N, C-alpha and C. Protein backbone atom coordinates (compact mmCIF):
# COMPACT_ATOMS: atom_id res chain seq x y z
N MET A 1 76.90 110.35 103.07
CA MET A 1 77.24 110.40 101.66
C MET A 1 76.50 109.27 100.95
N SER A 2 75.93 109.53 99.83
CA SER A 2 75.18 108.52 99.09
C SER A 2 76.13 107.57 98.38
N SER A 3 75.59 106.45 97.93
CA SER A 3 76.44 105.49 97.22
C SER A 3 76.90 106.08 95.88
N TYR A 4 76.07 106.96 95.29
CA TYR A 4 76.49 107.63 94.05
C TYR A 4 77.72 108.50 94.31
N ASP A 5 77.72 109.22 95.43
CA ASP A 5 78.88 110.05 95.78
C ASP A 5 80.11 109.18 96.03
N ASP A 6 79.91 108.04 96.72
CA ASP A 6 81.02 107.11 96.96
C ASP A 6 81.60 106.61 95.63
N GLU A 7 80.72 106.25 94.71
CA GLU A 7 81.19 105.74 93.42
C GLU A 7 81.89 106.82 92.62
N ALA A 8 81.39 108.03 92.67
CA ALA A 8 82.05 109.13 91.96
C ALA A 8 83.42 109.41 92.57
N GLU A 9 83.50 109.38 93.87
CA GLU A 9 84.79 109.62 94.54
C GLU A 9 85.77 108.49 94.22
N PHE A 10 85.28 107.24 94.25
CA PHE A 10 86.13 106.10 93.92
C PHE A 10 86.61 106.19 92.47
N SER A 11 85.72 106.57 91.57
CA SER A 11 86.08 106.70 90.16
C SER A 11 87.19 107.73 89.98
N GLY A 12 87.09 108.85 90.65
CA GLY A 12 88.14 109.87 90.59
C GLY A 12 89.46 109.36 91.17
N PHE A 13 89.36 108.60 92.25
CA PHE A 13 90.55 108.01 92.89
C PHE A 13 91.26 107.08 91.90
N VAL A 14 90.48 106.24 91.23
CA VAL A 14 91.04 105.28 90.27
C VAL A 14 91.67 106.00 89.08
N GLN A 15 90.97 106.97 88.52
CA GLN A 15 91.49 107.69 87.36
C GLN A 15 92.81 108.38 87.66
N GLY A 16 92.96 108.88 88.85
CA GLY A 16 94.19 109.58 89.21
C GLY A 16 95.36 108.66 89.51
N ARG A 17 95.08 107.37 89.71
CA ARG A 17 96.14 106.46 90.14
C ARG A 17 96.37 105.27 89.21
N TRP A 18 95.53 105.09 88.22
CA TRP A 18 95.59 103.90 87.37
C TRP A 18 96.97 103.70 86.74
N ASN A 19 97.51 104.72 86.06
CA ASN A 19 98.79 104.55 85.36
C ASN A 19 99.91 104.17 86.32
N GLY A 20 100.01 104.86 87.44
CA GLY A 20 101.04 104.54 88.43
C GLY A 20 100.85 103.15 89.03
N LEU A 21 99.60 102.77 89.24
CA LEU A 21 99.30 101.46 89.79
C LEU A 21 99.73 100.36 88.82
N VAL A 22 99.45 100.53 87.55
CA VAL A 22 99.84 99.53 86.55
C VAL A 22 101.37 99.48 86.41
N ARG A 23 102.03 100.64 86.45
CA ARG A 23 103.50 100.64 86.37
C ARG A 23 104.11 99.88 87.54
N THR A 24 103.61 100.14 88.74
CA THR A 24 104.13 99.43 89.91
C THR A 24 103.81 97.94 89.82
N ALA A 25 102.61 97.61 89.38
CA ALA A 25 102.23 96.21 89.22
C ALA A 25 103.11 95.53 88.17
N TYR A 26 103.47 96.26 87.11
CA TYR A 26 104.35 95.70 86.09
C TYR A 26 105.72 95.35 86.69
N LEU A 27 106.22 96.22 87.53
CA LEU A 27 107.51 95.95 88.15
C LEU A 27 107.43 94.77 89.11
N LEU A 28 106.28 94.56 89.71
CA LEU A 28 106.11 93.42 90.61
C LEU A 28 105.91 92.11 89.85
N THR A 29 105.25 92.18 88.69
CA THR A 29 104.92 90.96 87.96
C THR A 29 105.84 90.69 86.78
N GLY A 30 106.38 91.76 86.17
CA GLY A 30 107.24 91.59 85.01
C GLY A 30 106.49 91.31 83.72
N ASN A 31 105.19 91.52 83.72
CA ASN A 31 104.39 91.16 82.56
C ASN A 31 103.21 92.12 82.48
N ARG A 32 102.97 92.66 81.31
CA ARG A 32 101.89 93.66 81.11
C ARG A 32 100.53 93.12 81.49
N HIS A 33 100.22 91.92 81.02
CA HIS A 33 98.89 91.36 81.24
C HIS A 33 98.67 91.04 82.73
N ASP A 34 99.69 90.45 83.36
CA ASP A 34 99.59 90.18 84.79
C ASP A 34 99.49 91.48 85.58
N ALA A 35 100.20 92.52 85.12
CA ALA A 35 100.16 93.81 85.80
C ALA A 35 98.75 94.40 85.76
N GLU A 36 98.12 94.33 84.60
CA GLU A 36 96.75 94.85 84.49
C GLU A 36 95.78 94.03 85.33
N ASP A 37 95.96 92.70 85.33
CA ASP A 37 95.11 91.85 86.16
C ASP A 37 95.31 92.16 87.64
N LEU A 38 96.57 92.34 88.03
CA LEU A 38 96.87 92.66 89.43
C LEU A 38 96.26 94.01 89.82
N ALA A 39 96.38 95.00 88.95
CA ALA A 39 95.82 96.32 89.24
C ALA A 39 94.29 96.23 89.37
N GLN A 40 93.66 95.47 88.49
CA GLN A 40 92.20 95.33 88.55
C GLN A 40 91.77 94.58 89.80
N SER A 41 92.50 93.53 90.15
CA SER A 41 92.17 92.79 91.38
C SER A 41 92.34 93.67 92.60
N THR A 42 93.39 94.48 92.59
CA THR A 42 93.63 95.40 93.69
C THR A 42 92.49 96.40 93.81
N LEU A 43 92.08 96.98 92.71
CA LEU A 43 91.00 97.96 92.74
C LEU A 43 89.66 97.34 93.14
N THR A 44 89.47 96.07 92.81
CA THR A 44 88.26 95.38 93.24
C THR A 44 88.23 95.30 94.77
N LYS A 45 89.38 94.98 95.35
CA LYS A 45 89.46 94.91 96.82
C LYS A 45 89.33 96.30 97.44
N VAL A 46 89.93 97.29 96.80
CA VAL A 46 89.80 98.65 97.32
C VAL A 46 88.35 99.10 97.27
N TYR A 47 87.66 98.79 96.19
CA TYR A 47 86.25 99.18 96.05
C TYR A 47 85.40 98.53 97.15
N ALA A 48 85.68 97.26 97.42
CA ALA A 48 84.90 96.54 98.43
C ALA A 48 85.05 97.17 99.82
N SER A 49 86.18 97.80 100.07
CA SER A 49 86.39 98.44 101.37
C SER A 49 86.62 99.94 101.21
N TRP A 50 85.96 100.54 100.23
CA TRP A 50 86.20 101.94 99.87
C TRP A 50 86.01 102.90 101.04
N ARG A 51 84.98 102.72 101.82
CA ARG A 51 84.74 103.66 102.93
C ARG A 51 85.89 103.64 103.92
N ARG A 52 86.44 102.49 104.17
CA ARG A 52 87.59 102.38 105.08
C ARG A 52 88.84 102.98 104.43
N VAL A 53 89.02 102.75 103.14
CA VAL A 53 90.20 103.27 102.43
C VAL A 53 90.17 104.79 102.38
N ARG A 54 89.05 105.36 101.99
CA ARG A 54 89.00 106.81 101.80
C ARG A 54 89.10 107.58 103.11
N THR A 55 88.75 106.94 104.22
CA THR A 55 88.85 107.63 105.51
C THR A 55 90.19 107.36 106.21
N SER A 56 91.03 106.55 105.59
CA SER A 56 92.33 106.28 106.20
C SER A 56 93.22 107.52 106.09
N ASP A 57 94.27 107.54 106.89
CA ASP A 57 95.20 108.68 106.88
C ASP A 57 95.92 108.81 105.54
N ASN A 58 96.19 107.68 104.89
CA ASN A 58 96.94 107.70 103.64
C ASN A 58 96.36 106.65 102.68
N PRO A 59 95.37 107.03 101.88
CA PRO A 59 94.75 106.06 100.96
C PRO A 59 95.75 105.46 99.96
N ASP A 60 96.77 106.22 99.58
CA ASP A 60 97.76 105.69 98.64
C ASP A 60 98.58 104.56 99.27
N ALA A 61 98.92 104.71 100.54
CA ALA A 61 99.64 103.65 101.24
C ALA A 61 98.75 102.41 101.37
N TYR A 62 97.48 102.64 101.65
CA TYR A 62 96.50 101.55 101.75
C TYR A 62 96.43 100.82 100.40
N LEU A 63 96.38 101.58 99.32
CA LEU A 63 96.33 101.01 97.97
C LEU A 63 97.58 100.18 97.68
N ARG A 64 98.76 100.71 98.00
CA ARG A 64 100.01 99.97 97.77
C ARG A 64 100.04 98.69 98.58
N ARG A 65 99.58 98.76 99.81
CA ARG A 65 99.56 97.57 100.66
C ARG A 65 98.68 96.50 100.04
N ILE A 66 97.52 96.87 99.57
CA ILE A 66 96.62 95.91 98.94
C ILE A 66 97.25 95.36 97.67
N LEU A 67 97.93 96.21 96.89
CA LEU A 67 98.60 95.77 95.66
C LEU A 67 99.64 94.70 95.97
N VAL A 68 100.50 94.97 96.92
CA VAL A 68 101.57 94.03 97.25
C VAL A 68 100.99 92.73 97.82
N THR A 69 100.02 92.84 98.71
CA THR A 69 99.39 91.66 99.29
C THR A 69 98.70 90.82 98.22
N THR A 70 98.01 91.47 97.31
CA THR A 70 97.33 90.76 96.23
C THR A 70 98.35 90.06 95.33
N ASN A 71 99.48 90.71 95.09
CA ASN A 71 100.53 90.09 94.28
C ASN A 71 101.09 88.85 94.98
N ILE A 72 101.33 88.96 96.27
CA ILE A 72 101.85 87.81 97.02
C ILE A 72 100.81 86.69 97.04
N ASP A 73 99.54 87.03 97.18
CA ASP A 73 98.47 86.04 97.21
C ASP A 73 98.40 85.23 95.92
N ARG A 74 98.71 85.86 94.80
CA ARG A 74 98.62 85.10 93.55
C ARG A 74 99.67 83.99 93.49
N PHE A 75 100.78 84.15 94.22
CA PHE A 75 101.78 83.10 94.30
C PHE A 75 101.36 82.01 95.29
N ARG A 76 100.62 82.41 96.30
CA ARG A 76 100.15 81.43 97.27
C ARG A 76 99.11 80.51 96.66
N LYS A 77 98.26 81.07 95.81
CA LYS A 77 97.17 80.29 95.21
C LYS A 77 97.69 79.32 94.15
N ARG A 78 98.58 79.79 93.35
CA ARG A 78 99.14 78.94 92.30
C ARG A 78 100.51 79.48 91.93
N ARG A 79 101.38 78.60 91.66
CA ARG A 79 102.70 79.03 91.22
C ARG A 79 102.61 79.24 89.72
N PRO A 80 102.97 80.44 89.23
CA PRO A 80 102.87 80.68 87.79
C PRO A 80 103.77 79.74 86.99
N ALA A 81 103.33 79.40 85.80
CA ALA A 81 104.10 78.51 84.94
C ALA A 81 105.17 79.25 84.16
N GLU A 82 105.37 80.52 84.49
CA GLU A 82 106.39 81.31 83.81
C GLU A 82 107.66 81.32 84.64
N TYR A 83 108.78 81.23 83.96
CA TYR A 83 110.06 81.25 84.64
C TYR A 83 110.94 82.32 83.99
N PRO A 84 111.64 83.08 84.81
CA PRO A 84 112.52 84.10 84.24
C PRO A 84 113.62 83.45 83.39
N THR A 85 113.99 84.13 82.33
CA THR A 85 115.07 83.65 81.48
C THR A 85 116.11 84.74 81.33
N ASP A 86 117.24 84.36 80.78
CA ASP A 86 118.31 85.33 80.57
C ASP A 86 118.01 86.26 79.40
N GLU A 87 117.15 85.84 78.50
CA GLU A 87 116.86 86.64 77.32
C GLU A 87 115.41 87.12 77.35
N LEU A 88 115.22 88.36 76.97
CA LEU A 88 113.87 88.91 76.90
C LEU A 88 113.20 88.46 75.61
N PRO A 89 111.90 88.25 75.64
CA PRO A 89 111.20 87.95 74.38
C PRO A 89 111.16 89.21 73.53
N GLU A 90 110.71 89.05 72.31
CA GLU A 90 110.58 90.23 71.45
C GLU A 90 109.63 91.21 72.11
N PRO A 91 109.94 92.51 72.03
CA PRO A 91 109.06 93.50 72.67
C PRO A 91 107.67 93.50 72.03
N SER A 92 106.66 93.71 72.86
CA SER A 92 105.29 93.69 72.38
C SER A 92 104.86 95.04 71.81
N GLY A 93 105.69 96.05 71.95
CA GLY A 93 105.32 97.38 71.49
C GLY A 93 104.73 98.22 72.60
N TRP A 94 104.49 97.62 73.77
CA TRP A 94 103.94 98.35 74.91
C TRP A 94 105.01 98.43 75.98
N HIS A 95 105.12 99.56 76.60
CA HIS A 95 106.09 99.74 77.67
C HIS A 95 105.41 100.49 78.80
N PRO A 96 105.61 100.08 80.04
CA PRO A 96 104.87 100.71 81.13
C PRO A 96 105.29 102.14 81.41
N LEU A 97 106.44 102.55 80.98
CA LEU A 97 106.92 103.88 81.30
C LEU A 97 106.67 104.89 80.19
N ASP A 98 106.98 104.52 78.98
CA ASP A 98 106.82 105.45 77.87
C ASP A 98 106.83 104.63 76.58
N ALA A 99 105.67 104.47 75.96
CA ALA A 99 105.55 103.61 74.79
C ALA A 99 106.45 104.06 73.65
N ASN A 100 106.84 105.32 73.61
CA ASN A 100 107.67 105.81 72.52
C ASN A 100 109.16 105.78 72.81
N ALA A 101 109.53 105.47 74.03
CA ALA A 101 110.95 105.56 74.38
C ALA A 101 111.42 104.34 75.15
N GLN A 102 111.30 103.17 74.55
CA GLN A 102 111.81 101.97 75.19
C GLN A 102 113.34 102.03 75.20
N THR A 103 113.90 101.61 76.29
CA THR A 103 115.36 101.63 76.38
C THR A 103 115.87 100.24 76.75
N ASP A 104 117.04 99.94 76.26
CA ASP A 104 117.66 98.66 76.58
C ASP A 104 117.93 98.55 78.07
N GLN A 105 118.32 99.66 78.69
CA GLN A 105 118.61 99.62 80.13
C GLN A 105 117.39 99.21 80.93
N ARG A 106 116.25 99.75 80.61
CA ARG A 106 115.04 99.40 81.35
C ARG A 106 114.66 97.95 81.12
N GLN A 107 114.79 97.48 79.90
CA GLN A 107 114.45 96.08 79.62
C GLN A 107 115.36 95.15 80.41
N VAL A 108 116.63 95.47 80.46
CA VAL A 108 117.57 94.65 81.22
C VAL A 108 117.22 94.71 82.70
N LEU A 109 116.92 95.90 83.18
CA LEU A 109 116.56 96.06 84.59
C LEU A 109 115.27 95.32 84.92
N PHE A 110 114.25 95.43 84.08
CA PHE A 110 112.98 94.74 84.33
C PHE A 110 113.20 93.22 84.34
N ALA A 111 114.02 92.72 83.43
CA ALA A 111 114.30 91.29 83.41
C ALA A 111 115.02 90.87 84.69
N ALA A 112 115.94 91.69 85.16
CA ALA A 112 116.65 91.38 86.41
C ALA A 112 115.70 91.45 87.61
N LEU A 113 114.81 92.43 87.62
CA LEU A 113 113.82 92.52 88.70
C LEU A 113 112.94 91.27 88.74
N ALA A 114 112.60 90.76 87.58
CA ALA A 114 111.72 89.59 87.51
C ALA A 114 112.36 88.35 88.11
N THR A 115 113.68 88.33 88.24
CA THR A 115 114.36 87.17 88.80
C THR A 115 114.42 87.20 90.32
N LEU A 116 114.09 88.35 90.92
CA LEU A 116 114.13 88.45 92.38
C LEU A 116 112.92 87.74 92.99
N PRO A 117 113.08 87.18 94.18
CA PRO A 117 111.91 86.64 94.89
C PRO A 117 110.88 87.75 95.12
N ALA A 118 109.63 87.38 95.26
CA ALA A 118 108.53 88.35 95.34
C ALA A 118 108.75 89.39 96.43
N ARG A 119 109.18 89.00 97.60
CA ARG A 119 109.35 89.95 98.72
C ARG A 119 110.47 90.93 98.42
N GLN A 120 111.61 90.44 97.92
CA GLN A 120 112.72 91.34 97.58
C GLN A 120 112.32 92.28 96.46
N ARG A 121 111.60 91.77 95.47
CA ARG A 121 111.16 92.61 94.37
C ARG A 121 110.22 93.70 94.88
N ALA A 122 109.30 93.33 95.76
CA ALA A 122 108.37 94.31 96.33
C ALA A 122 109.12 95.39 97.09
N VAL A 123 110.10 95.00 97.88
CA VAL A 123 110.89 95.98 98.65
C VAL A 123 111.65 96.91 97.71
N VAL A 124 112.33 96.35 96.72
CA VAL A 124 113.12 97.18 95.80
C VAL A 124 112.21 98.12 95.01
N VAL A 125 111.09 97.61 94.53
CA VAL A 125 110.17 98.45 93.75
C VAL A 125 109.61 99.58 94.61
N LEU A 126 109.12 99.26 95.80
CA LEU A 126 108.53 100.30 96.64
C LEU A 126 109.58 101.27 97.15
N ARG A 127 110.75 100.76 97.48
CA ARG A 127 111.80 101.63 98.06
C ARG A 127 112.43 102.54 97.00
N TYR A 128 112.75 101.99 95.84
CA TYR A 128 113.51 102.75 94.85
C TYR A 128 112.69 103.24 93.67
N TRP A 129 111.62 102.55 93.33
CA TRP A 129 110.78 103.02 92.23
C TRP A 129 109.75 104.01 92.75
N GLU A 130 109.03 103.61 93.80
CA GLU A 130 108.02 104.46 94.39
C GLU A 130 108.64 105.50 95.32
N ASP A 131 109.92 105.37 95.62
CA ASP A 131 110.67 106.31 96.45
C ASP A 131 110.06 106.46 97.85
N LEU A 132 109.67 105.32 98.43
CA LEU A 132 109.12 105.34 99.77
C LEU A 132 110.26 105.18 100.78
N SER A 133 110.05 105.70 101.97
CA SER A 133 111.03 105.52 103.04
C SER A 133 110.98 104.07 103.52
N GLU A 134 111.99 103.68 104.30
CA GLU A 134 112.00 102.33 104.83
C GLU A 134 110.76 102.09 105.70
N ALA A 135 110.38 103.09 106.49
CA ALA A 135 109.21 102.96 107.35
C ALA A 135 107.93 102.80 106.53
N GLN A 136 107.81 103.54 105.43
CA GLN A 136 106.62 103.43 104.57
C GLN A 136 106.56 102.06 103.90
N VAL A 137 107.71 101.56 103.45
CA VAL A 137 107.75 100.23 102.83
C VAL A 137 107.37 99.18 103.87
N ALA A 138 107.91 99.31 105.08
CA ALA A 138 107.58 98.37 106.15
C ALA A 138 106.09 98.37 106.43
N ALA A 139 105.50 99.55 106.48
CA ALA A 139 104.05 99.63 106.71
C ALA A 139 103.27 99.00 105.56
N ALA A 140 103.71 99.25 104.34
CA ALA A 140 103.01 98.70 103.17
C ALA A 140 103.09 97.17 103.12
N LEU A 141 104.21 96.63 103.58
CA LEU A 141 104.40 95.18 103.52
C LEU A 141 104.05 94.47 104.82
N GLY A 142 103.79 95.25 105.86
CA GLY A 142 103.46 94.64 107.14
C GLY A 142 104.63 93.93 107.78
N CYS A 143 105.80 94.54 107.72
CA CYS A 143 107.00 93.94 108.30
C CYS A 143 107.79 95.03 109.02
N SER A 144 108.92 94.67 109.60
CA SER A 144 109.74 95.64 110.32
C SER A 144 110.66 96.38 109.35
N THR A 145 111.18 97.51 109.79
CA THR A 145 112.14 98.25 108.94
C THR A 145 113.41 97.44 108.77
N GLY A 146 113.76 96.63 109.76
CA GLY A 146 114.93 95.75 109.63
C GLY A 146 114.77 94.77 108.49
N THR A 147 113.56 94.24 108.34
CA THR A 147 113.28 93.33 107.23
C THR A 147 113.40 94.07 105.90
N VAL A 148 112.89 95.30 105.86
CA VAL A 148 113.00 96.10 104.64
C VAL A 148 114.48 96.32 104.30
N LYS A 149 115.27 96.67 105.29
CA LYS A 149 116.71 96.90 105.05
C LYS A 149 117.40 95.65 104.55
N SER A 150 117.14 94.51 105.19
CA SER A 150 117.82 93.28 104.77
C SER A 150 117.35 92.81 103.39
N GLN A 151 116.03 92.88 103.14
CA GLN A 151 115.52 92.47 101.83
C GLN A 151 116.01 93.41 100.73
N SER A 152 116.11 94.69 101.05
CA SER A 152 116.62 95.67 100.10
C SER A 152 118.08 95.38 99.77
N ALA A 153 118.87 95.15 100.81
CA ALA A 153 120.30 94.86 100.60
C ALA A 153 120.49 93.59 99.77
N LYS A 154 119.73 92.55 100.12
CA LYS A 154 119.84 91.29 99.37
C LYS A 154 119.38 91.46 97.92
N GLY A 155 118.26 92.17 97.74
CA GLY A 155 117.74 92.39 96.39
C GLY A 155 118.70 93.20 95.53
N LEU A 156 119.25 94.27 96.11
CA LEU A 156 120.21 95.09 95.35
C LEU A 156 121.48 94.31 95.05
N ALA A 157 121.92 93.48 95.99
CA ALA A 157 123.12 92.67 95.75
C ALA A 157 122.87 91.69 94.60
N LYS A 158 121.69 91.08 94.58
CA LYS A 158 121.37 90.16 93.48
C LYS A 158 121.29 90.91 92.15
N LEU A 159 120.71 92.11 92.17
CA LEU A 159 120.65 92.89 90.94
C LEU A 159 122.05 93.25 90.46
N ARG A 160 122.91 93.65 91.38
CA ARG A 160 124.30 93.98 91.00
C ARG A 160 125.00 92.76 90.41
N ASP A 161 124.79 91.59 91.03
CA ASP A 161 125.41 90.37 90.51
C ASP A 161 124.89 90.03 89.12
N ARG A 162 123.59 90.16 88.92
CA ARG A 162 122.99 89.81 87.63
C ARG A 162 123.32 90.82 86.53
N LEU A 163 123.36 92.09 86.92
CA LEU A 163 123.55 93.14 85.92
C LEU A 163 125.01 93.40 85.61
N GLY A 164 125.87 93.13 86.55
CA GLY A 164 127.30 93.39 86.33
C GLY A 164 127.58 94.87 86.25
N PRO A 165 128.85 95.23 86.10
CA PRO A 165 129.23 96.64 86.12
C PRO A 165 128.90 97.40 84.84
N THR A 166 128.60 96.73 83.74
CA THR A 166 128.42 97.47 82.49
C THR A 166 126.98 97.54 82.01
N ASP A 167 126.07 96.74 82.56
CA ASP A 167 124.72 96.70 82.02
C ASP A 167 123.93 97.97 82.24
N LEU A 168 124.00 98.57 83.43
CA LEU A 168 123.20 99.75 83.71
C LEU A 168 124.04 100.95 84.11
N SER A 169 125.33 100.83 84.04
CA SER A 169 126.15 101.93 84.53
C SER A 169 126.53 102.87 83.40
N THR A 170 126.77 104.08 83.79
CA THR A 170 127.31 105.04 82.85
C THR A 170 128.82 104.92 82.94
N PRO A 171 129.60 105.53 82.04
CA PRO A 171 131.04 105.43 82.13
C PRO A 171 131.61 105.98 83.45
N ALA A 172 130.87 106.84 84.12
CA ALA A 172 131.40 107.46 85.33
C ALA A 172 131.24 106.59 86.56
N THR A 173 130.38 105.57 86.54
CA THR A 173 130.14 104.77 87.74
C THR A 173 129.86 103.33 87.38
N THR A 174 130.11 102.43 88.32
CA THR A 174 129.78 101.03 88.10
C THR A 174 128.78 100.55 89.13
N ASP A 175 128.24 101.41 89.96
CA ASP A 175 127.26 101.04 90.97
C ASP A 175 125.86 101.04 90.39
N PHE A 176 125.04 100.15 90.90
CA PHE A 176 123.62 100.15 90.55
C PHE A 176 123.00 101.44 91.07
N ARG A 177 122.29 102.12 90.22
CA ARG A 177 121.66 103.40 90.61
C ARG A 177 120.18 103.30 90.34
N PRO A 178 119.35 103.20 91.40
CA PRO A 178 117.91 103.08 91.19
C PRO A 178 117.31 104.24 90.42
N GLU A 179 117.95 105.40 90.40
CA GLU A 179 117.37 106.53 89.71
C GLU A 179 117.31 106.33 88.19
N VAL A 180 118.00 105.30 87.66
CA VAL A 180 117.87 105.05 86.22
C VAL A 180 116.47 104.52 85.89
N LEU A 181 115.73 104.12 86.92
CA LEU A 181 114.36 103.67 86.70
C LEU A 181 113.45 104.81 86.29
N ALA A 182 113.74 106.00 86.81
CA ALA A 182 112.82 107.13 86.62
C ALA A 182 112.84 107.64 85.20
């Protein structure tokens, strides 16, 4: 295959996954600009190893793994000067899910996700937002399924503590329900 064919195939791969990649990156970073930077950094790494990625059994899993690893690396290189707060700033007018339908529930949930440690946030996002199995999350993060289970339980417990029974629940339930993300 020529390099032109590789580039055309990579371009199609990126176009089909960009929006989902940025949404997942937003949930990992909690910030639109960081999400776009993370997605671009991830795609740069994917491009550099494109032949290996495209011939893998599951290029999407490979992409998610690179996304999560790149996100963790940005904390290793420098600790961001941003700290989660109890109050959200004024909305910028952009929303990763639907620019026309911002909801208070999602804003509260995104703020709560931003307070989780990076590993717990990655597990919760991949497990409940991306709807991956425990085994798929473990493969994406390079850890055991036991680690995924424990990090998921701890992350969900922290979200329940932070959100309380009334922030994201409907009148019929007081349990945290990841499906409200969708």
